[in-house]
Amino acid sequence: MKVFEEYLNRIDNLEQRAGVEQVLSHMANRFPVLETRIAWNQPMFTDHGTFIIGFSVSKNHLAIAPEREGIIRFSDEIIQAGYDHTKELIRISWNKPVDFTLLERIIEFNILEKKDCKTFWRTR
């Protein structure tokens, strides 16, 4: 979590900072084999040099970017959880609880799907 410390310290809203820290800490503990890094000014988790999931903060929500394939695969569950999504990211409003099980499943999907990927992003 040390790698995310500076990013977290820049989040002025203390409740949002605590929420983001909880999500990042949970994922780091649940997936200790994933590498943690800051890229494009956002915390992300990678596996053997390939992108698995990224997070960013906005005024109204926590944005989660699992790449398009993760959104497509879990679209129904994302909607059932009460989250909004686009083709590239999931938006969890600050007043909604985080469905950690869903996030874990998305990460597990990406790890498995990208086990032989040799590029940072999926090639379409």
N, C-alpha and C. Protein backbone atom coordinates (compact mmCIF):
# COMPACT_ATOMS: atom_id res chain seq x y z
N MET A 1 0.81 -1.19 0.00
CA MET A 1 0.00 0.00 0.00
C MET A 1 0.86 1.26 0.00
N LYS A 2 2.11 1.12 0.27
CA LYS A 2 3.00 2.28 0.30
C LYS A 2 2.97 3.02 -1.05
N VAL A 3 2.86 2.26 -2.13
CA VAL A 3 2.87 2.86 -3.47
C VAL A 3 1.66 3.78 -3.67
N PHE A 4 0.57 3.55 -2.96
CA PHE A 4 -0.64 4.35 -3.12
C PHE A 4 -0.72 5.52 -2.14
N GLU A 5 0.22 5.61 -1.22
CA GLU A 5 0.15 6.59 -0.15
C GLU A 5 0.03 8.03 -0.65
N GLU A 6 0.87 8.43 -1.56
CA GLU A 6 0.85 9.80 -2.08
C GLU A 6 -0.48 10.09 -2.77
N TYR A 7 -0.96 9.13 -3.56
CA TYR A 7 -2.25 9.30 -4.24
C TYR A 7 -3.36 9.52 -3.22
N LEU A 8 -3.41 8.66 -2.21
CA LEU A 8 -4.45 8.76 -1.18
C LEU A 8 -4.38 10.09 -0.44
N ASN A 9 -3.19 10.55 -0.15
CA ASN A 9 -3.02 11.81 0.59
C ASN A 9 -3.51 13.02 -0.20
N ARG A 10 -3.65 12.90 -1.50
CA ARG A 10 -4.15 14.01 -2.32
C ARG A 10 -5.67 14.05 -2.37
N ILE A 11 -6.35 13.07 -1.81
CA ILE A 11 -7.82 13.07 -1.78
C ILE A 11 -8.24 13.91 -0.57
N ASP A 12 -8.81 15.09 -0.83
CA ASP A 12 -9.15 16.02 0.24
C ASP A 12 -10.30 15.54 1.12
N ASN A 13 -11.30 14.93 0.52
CA ASN A 13 -12.46 14.47 1.27
C ASN A 13 -12.04 13.22 2.06
N LEU A 14 -12.05 13.33 3.37
CA LEU A 14 -11.53 12.25 4.22
C LEU A 14 -12.38 10.99 4.14
N GLU A 15 -13.69 11.12 3.98
CA GLU A 15 -14.54 9.93 3.83
C GLU A 15 -14.24 9.21 2.52
N GLN A 16 -14.06 9.98 1.45
CA GLN A 16 -13.71 9.37 0.17
C GLN A 16 -12.33 8.73 0.24
N ARG A 17 -11.39 9.40 0.88
CA ARG A 17 -10.04 8.83 1.03
C ARG A 17 -10.11 7.50 1.77
N ALA A 18 -10.88 7.46 2.85
CA ALA A 18 -11.00 6.22 3.62
C ALA A 18 -11.65 5.12 2.78
N GLY A 19 -12.64 5.48 1.98
CA GLY A 19 -13.29 4.50 1.12
C GLY A 19 -12.36 3.93 0.07
N VAL A 20 -11.59 4.81 -0.56
CA VAL A 20 -10.64 4.37 -1.59
C VAL A 20 -9.55 3.52 -0.95
N GLU A 21 -9.06 3.95 0.20
CA GLU A 21 -8.04 3.17 0.90
C GLU A 21 -8.56 1.78 1.26
N GLN A 22 -9.81 1.71 1.68
CA GLN A 22 -10.40 0.41 2.02
C GLN A 22 -10.45 -0.50 0.79
N VAL A 23 -10.86 0.04 -0.35
CA VAL A 23 -10.95 -0.76 -1.57
C VAL A 23 -9.56 -1.22 -2.00
N LEU A 24 -8.61 -0.30 -2.05
CA LEU A 24 -7.25 -0.66 -2.49
C LEU A 24 -6.60 -1.66 -1.54
N SER A 25 -6.78 -1.45 -0.26
CA SER A 25 -6.21 -2.36 0.74
C SER A 25 -6.83 -3.75 0.63
N HIS A 26 -8.14 -3.79 0.46
CA HIS A 26 -8.82 -5.07 0.32
C HIS A 26 -8.30 -5.84 -0.89
N MET A 27 -8.18 -5.14 -2.00
CA MET A 27 -7.72 -5.80 -3.23
C MET A 27 -6.25 -6.23 -3.12
N ALA A 28 -5.44 -5.41 -2.50
CA ALA A 28 -4.03 -5.77 -2.32
C ALA A 28 -3.89 -6.99 -1.42
N ASN A 29 -4.72 -7.07 -0.38
CA ASN A 29 -4.67 -8.23 0.51
C ASN A 29 -5.25 -9.48 -0.14
N ARG A 30 -6.31 -9.30 -0.92
CA ARG A 30 -6.98 -10.43 -1.57
C ARG A 30 -6.16 -10.99 -2.73
N PHE A 31 -5.39 -10.10 -3.40
CA PHE A 31 -4.59 -10.49 -4.57
C PHE A 31 -3.13 -10.07 -4.38
N PRO A 32 -2.44 -10.68 -3.43
CA PRO A 32 -1.06 -10.26 -3.14
C PRO A 32 -0.09 -10.50 -4.29
N VAL A 33 -0.44 -11.36 -5.24
CA VAL A 33 0.46 -11.61 -6.38
C VAL A 33 0.43 -10.49 -7.40
N LEU A 34 -0.60 -9.64 -7.35
CA LEU A 34 -0.67 -8.54 -8.31
C LEU A 34 0.29 -7.43 -7.91
N GLU A 35 0.86 -6.79 -8.91
CA GLU A 35 1.74 -5.65 -8.67
C GLU A 35 0.89 -4.41 -8.53
N THR A 36 1.29 -3.52 -7.63
CA THR A 36 0.59 -2.25 -7.44
C THR A 36 1.44 -1.15 -8.04
N ARG A 37 0.76 -0.17 -8.66
CA ARG A 37 1.50 0.94 -9.26
C ARG A 37 0.57 2.11 -9.48
N ILE A 38 1.18 3.25 -9.67
CA ILE A 38 0.45 4.45 -10.09
C ILE A 38 0.86 4.70 -11.54
N ALA A 39 -0.13 4.79 -12.40
CA ALA A 39 0.11 5.12 -13.82
C ALA A 39 -1.06 5.96 -14.29
N TRP A 40 -0.78 6.92 -15.12
CA TRP A 40 -1.81 7.85 -15.58
C TRP A 40 -2.51 8.48 -14.39
N ASN A 41 -1.74 8.71 -13.33
CA ASN A 41 -2.21 9.35 -12.10
C ASN A 41 -3.36 8.58 -11.43
N GLN A 42 -3.34 7.27 -11.55
CA GLN A 42 -4.36 6.47 -10.87
C GLN A 42 -3.75 5.17 -10.36
N PRO A 43 -4.27 4.69 -9.24
CA PRO A 43 -3.78 3.41 -8.72
C PRO A 43 -4.29 2.27 -9.59
N MET A 44 -3.40 1.33 -9.83
CA MET A 44 -3.79 0.16 -10.61
C MET A 44 -3.06 -1.08 -10.14
N PHE A 45 -3.63 -2.19 -10.55
CA PHE A 45 -3.06 -3.50 -10.27
C PHE A 45 -2.73 -4.15 -11.60
N THR A 46 -1.54 -4.74 -11.68
CA THR A 46 -1.10 -5.40 -12.90
C THR A 46 -0.63 -6.81 -12.58
N ASP A 47 -0.53 -7.61 -13.61
CA ASP A 47 -0.06 -8.99 -13.47
C ASP A 47 0.88 -9.28 -14.63
N HIS A 48 2.09 -9.68 -14.35
CA HIS A 48 3.14 -9.94 -15.34
C HIS A 48 3.20 -8.83 -16.41
N GLY A 49 3.06 -7.57 -15.94
CA GLY A 49 3.17 -6.43 -16.84
C GLY A 49 1.93 -6.09 -17.63
N THR A 50 0.82 -6.76 -17.36
CA THR A 50 -0.43 -6.46 -18.07
C THR A 50 -1.45 -5.88 -17.10
N PHE A 51 -2.21 -4.92 -17.59
CA PHE A 51 -3.23 -4.23 -16.80
C PHE A 51 -4.33 -5.19 -16.35
N ILE A 52 -4.69 -5.11 -15.08
CA ILE A 52 -5.80 -5.91 -14.56
C ILE A 52 -6.97 -5.00 -14.18
N ILE A 53 -6.72 -3.96 -13.38
CA ILE A 53 -7.79 -3.05 -12.98
C ILE A 53 -7.19 -1.75 -12.47
N GLY A 54 -7.91 -0.66 -12.70
CA GLY A 54 -7.48 0.65 -12.23
C GLY A 54 -8.62 1.37 -11.53
N PHE A 55 -8.26 2.34 -10.70
CA PHE A 55 -9.24 3.08 -9.92
C PHE A 55 -8.95 4.57 -10.04
N SER A 56 -10.00 5.38 -9.99
CA SER A 56 -9.82 6.83 -9.93
C SER A 56 -10.97 7.45 -9.17
N VAL A 57 -10.74 8.66 -8.70
CA VAL A 57 -11.69 9.34 -7.84
C VAL A 57 -12.25 10.55 -8.56
N SER A 58 -13.56 10.72 -8.47
CA SER A 58 -14.18 11.95 -8.92
C SER A 58 -15.04 12.48 -7.78
N LYS A 59 -15.57 13.65 -7.96
CA LYS A 59 -16.37 14.28 -6.91
C LYS A 59 -17.56 13.40 -6.50
N ASN A 60 -18.18 12.74 -7.46
CA ASN A 60 -19.42 12.01 -7.19
C ASN A 60 -19.28 10.50 -7.08
N HIS A 61 -18.13 9.96 -7.44
CA HIS A 61 -18.04 8.50 -7.46
C HIS A 61 -16.59 8.01 -7.49
N LEU A 62 -16.45 6.72 -7.19
CA LEU A 62 -15.21 5.99 -7.40
C LEU A 62 -15.34 5.32 -8.76
N ALA A 63 -14.40 5.56 -9.64
CA ALA A 63 -14.42 4.94 -10.97
C ALA A 63 -13.49 3.73 -10.96
N ILE A 64 -13.98 2.64 -11.54
CA ILE A 64 -13.22 1.40 -11.61
C ILE A 64 -13.13 1.01 -13.07
N ALA A 65 -11.91 0.79 -13.53
CA ALA A 65 -11.68 0.48 -14.94
C ALA A 65 -11.09 -0.92 -15.08
N PRO A 66 -11.92 -1.89 -15.49
CA PRO A 66 -11.40 -3.24 -15.70
C PRO A 66 -11.17 -3.58 -17.17
N GLU A 67 -11.18 -2.61 -18.04
CA GLU A 67 -11.18 -2.77 -19.49
C GLU A 67 -12.57 -3.21 -19.95
N ARG A 68 -12.84 -3.00 -21.20
CA ARG A 68 -14.16 -3.24 -21.78
C ARG A 68 -14.66 -4.67 -21.57
N GLU A 69 -13.78 -5.65 -21.70
CA GLU A 69 -14.20 -7.04 -21.58
C GLU A 69 -14.78 -7.35 -20.20
N GLY A 70 -14.22 -6.77 -19.17
CA GLY A 70 -14.74 -6.95 -17.82
C GLY A 70 -16.12 -6.33 -17.65
N ILE A 71 -16.32 -5.20 -18.29
CA ILE A 71 -17.64 -4.54 -18.25
C ILE A 71 -18.67 -5.40 -18.97
N ILE A 72 -18.31 -5.87 -20.15
CA ILE A 72 -19.23 -6.69 -20.94
C ILE A 72 -19.61 -7.95 -20.17
N ARG A 73 -18.61 -8.63 -19.64
CA ARG A 73 -18.85 -9.91 -18.95
C ARG A 73 -19.73 -9.76 -17.71
N PHE A 74 -19.57 -8.65 -16.99
CA PHE A 74 -20.27 -8.47 -15.72
C PHE A 74 -21.33 -7.37 -15.75
N SER A 75 -21.74 -6.95 -16.91
CA SER A 75 -22.67 -5.83 -17.05
C SER A 75 -23.95 -6.02 -16.23
N ASP A 76 -24.56 -7.17 -16.32
CA ASP A 76 -25.81 -7.40 -15.58
C ASP A 76 -25.58 -7.31 -14.08
N GLU A 77 -24.49 -7.88 -13.60
CA GLU A 77 -24.20 -7.85 -12.17
C GLU A 77 -23.85 -6.44 -11.70
N ILE A 78 -23.19 -5.69 -12.56
CA ILE A 78 -22.86 -4.29 -12.23
C ILE A 78 -24.15 -3.51 -12.04
N ILE A 79 -25.09 -3.70 -12.95
CA ILE A 79 -26.38 -3.01 -12.87
C ILE A 79 -27.16 -3.48 -11.64
N GLN A 80 -27.15 -4.79 -11.39
CA GLN A 80 -27.85 -5.34 -10.22
C GLN A 80 -27.28 -4.78 -8.91
N ALA A 81 -26.00 -4.48 -8.90
CA ALA A 81 -25.37 -3.91 -7.71
C ALA A 81 -25.75 -2.44 -7.52
N GLY A 82 -26.40 -1.86 -8.53
CA GLY A 82 -26.82 -0.47 -8.43
C GLY A 82 -25.80 0.52 -8.93
N TYR A 83 -24.85 0.03 -9.72
CA TYR A 83 -23.79 0.89 -10.24
C TYR A 83 -24.08 1.28 -11.68
N ASP A 84 -23.60 2.45 -12.04
CA ASP A 84 -23.67 2.93 -13.40
C ASP A 84 -22.38 2.48 -14.10
N HIS A 85 -22.44 2.27 -15.41
CA HIS A 85 -21.21 1.95 -16.12
C HIS A 85 -21.26 2.47 -17.55
N THR A 86 -20.07 2.66 -18.11
CA THR A 86 -19.90 2.99 -19.51
C THR A 86 -19.23 1.79 -20.16
N LYS A 87 -18.76 1.94 -21.38
CA LYS A 87 -18.05 0.84 -22.04
C LYS A 87 -16.70 0.53 -21.37
N GLU A 88 -16.15 1.51 -20.65
CA GLU A 88 -14.80 1.34 -20.11
C GLU A 88 -14.69 1.42 -18.60
N LEU A 89 -15.74 1.91 -17.90
CA LEU A 89 -15.59 2.00 -16.45
C LEU A 89 -16.90 1.86 -15.70
N ILE A 90 -16.74 1.50 -14.44
CA ILE A 90 -17.85 1.35 -13.50
C ILE A 90 -17.79 2.55 -12.57
N ARG A 91 -18.95 3.14 -12.29
CA ARG A 91 -19.01 4.27 -11.36
C ARG A 91 -19.80 3.85 -10.13
N ILE A 92 -19.12 3.88 -8.98
CA ILE A 92 -19.78 3.58 -7.71
C ILE A 92 -19.95 4.89 -6.96
N SER A 93 -21.18 5.31 -6.85
CA SER A 93 -21.49 6.54 -6.13
C SER A 93 -20.99 6.43 -4.69
N TRP A 94 -20.54 7.54 -4.15
CA TRP A 94 -19.97 7.53 -2.79
C TRP A 94 -20.98 7.09 -1.74
N ASN A 95 -22.27 7.20 -2.04
CA ASN A 95 -23.26 6.80 -1.04
C ASN A 95 -23.71 5.35 -1.18
N LYS A 96 -23.06 4.58 -2.07
CA LYS A 96 -23.39 3.16 -2.24
C LYS A 96 -22.28 2.30 -1.66
N PRO A 97 -22.64 1.14 -1.12
CA PRO A 97 -21.59 0.23 -0.62
C PRO A 97 -20.85 -0.42 -1.79
N VAL A 98 -19.62 -0.77 -1.54
CA VAL A 98 -18.80 -1.45 -2.54
C VAL A 98 -19.07 -2.95 -2.46
N ASP A 99 -19.39 -3.54 -3.60
CA ASP A 99 -19.60 -4.98 -3.68
C ASP A 99 -18.23 -5.63 -3.93
N PHE A 100 -17.55 -5.97 -2.84
CA PHE A 100 -16.19 -6.52 -2.95
C PHE A 100 -16.18 -7.85 -3.68
N THR A 101 -17.22 -8.65 -3.50
CA THR A 101 -17.28 -9.94 -4.19
C THR A 101 -17.32 -9.74 -5.70
N LEU A 102 -18.10 -8.79 -6.15
CA LEU A 102 -18.17 -8.50 -7.58
C LEU A 102 -16.81 -8.01 -8.10
N LEU A 103 -16.18 -7.10 -7.37
CA LEU A 103 -14.86 -6.63 -7.80
C LEU A 103 -13.85 -7.76 -7.86
N GLU A 104 -13.88 -8.64 -6.88
CA GLU A 104 -12.97 -9.78 -6.88
C GLU A 104 -13.21 -10.67 -8.10
N ARG A 105 -14.47 -10.90 -8.44
CA ARG A 105 -14.79 -11.72 -9.60
C ARG A 105 -14.31 -11.07 -10.90
N ILE A 106 -14.43 -9.76 -10.99
CA ILE A 106 -13.95 -9.05 -12.18
C ILE A 106 -12.43 -9.18 -12.28
N ILE A 107 -11.74 -9.02 -11.16
CA ILE A 107 -10.28 -9.15 -11.16
C ILE A 107 -9.88 -10.58 -11.51
N GLU A 108 -10.53 -11.57 -10.92
CA GLU A 108 -10.22 -12.97 -11.23
C GLU A 108 -10.44 -13.25 -12.72
N PHE A 109 -11.50 -12.70 -13.28
CA PHE A 109 -11.77 -12.84 -14.72
C PHE A 109 -10.62 -12.27 -15.54
N ASN A 110 -10.19 -11.06 -15.19
CA ASN A 110 -9.09 -10.44 -15.94
C ASN A 110 -7.78 -11.20 -15.80
N ILE A 111 -7.50 -11.68 -14.60
CA ILE A 111 -6.26 -12.45 -14.41
C ILE A 111 -6.28 -13.69 -15.30
N LEU A 112 -7.37 -14.39 -15.29
CA LEU A 112 -7.49 -15.61 -16.10
C LEU A 112 -7.47 -15.29 -17.60
N GLU A 113 -8.26 -14.32 -18.00
CA GLU A 113 -8.35 -13.94 -19.41
C GLU A 113 -7.01 -13.46 -19.98
N LYS A 114 -6.21 -12.81 -19.13
CA LYS A 114 -4.98 -12.18 -19.61
C LYS A 114 -3.73 -12.96 -19.20
N LYS A 115 -3.90 -14.21 -18.80
CA LYS A 115 -2.75 -14.98 -18.30
C LYS A 115 -1.64 -15.11 -19.35
N ASP A 116 -2.00 -15.14 -20.61
CA ASP A 116 -0.99 -15.26 -21.67
C ASP A 116 -0.78 -13.95 -22.43
N CYS A 117 -1.38 -12.88 -21.95
CA CYS A 117 -1.28 -11.57 -22.62
C CYS A 117 0.15 -11.04 -22.47
N LYS A 118 0.68 -10.54 -23.54
CA LYS A 118 2.05 -10.03 -23.52
C LYS A 118 2.10 -8.50 -23.66
N THR A 119 0.92 -7.87 -23.69
CA THR A 119 0.85 -6.42 -23.81
C THR A 119 0.16 -5.85 -22.56
N PHE A 120 0.32 -4.57 -22.33
CA PHE A 120 -0.29 -3.94 -21.17
C PHE A 120 -1.81 -3.97 -21.28
N TRP A 121 -2.32 -3.51 -22.41
CA TRP A 121 -3.76 -3.53 -22.68
C TRP A 121 -4.09 -4.72 -23.56
N ARG A 122 -5.33 -5.17 -23.52
CA ARG A 122 -5.77 -6.20 -24.45
C ARG A 122 -5.69 -5.62 -25.86
N THR A 123 -5.37 -6.46 -26.78
CA THR A 123 -5.44 -6.05 -28.18
C THR A 123 -6.76 -6.57 -28.72
N ARG A 124 -7.46 -5.72 -29.36
CA ARG A 124 -8.81 -6.11 -29.83
C ARG A 124 -8.75 -6.55 -31.26
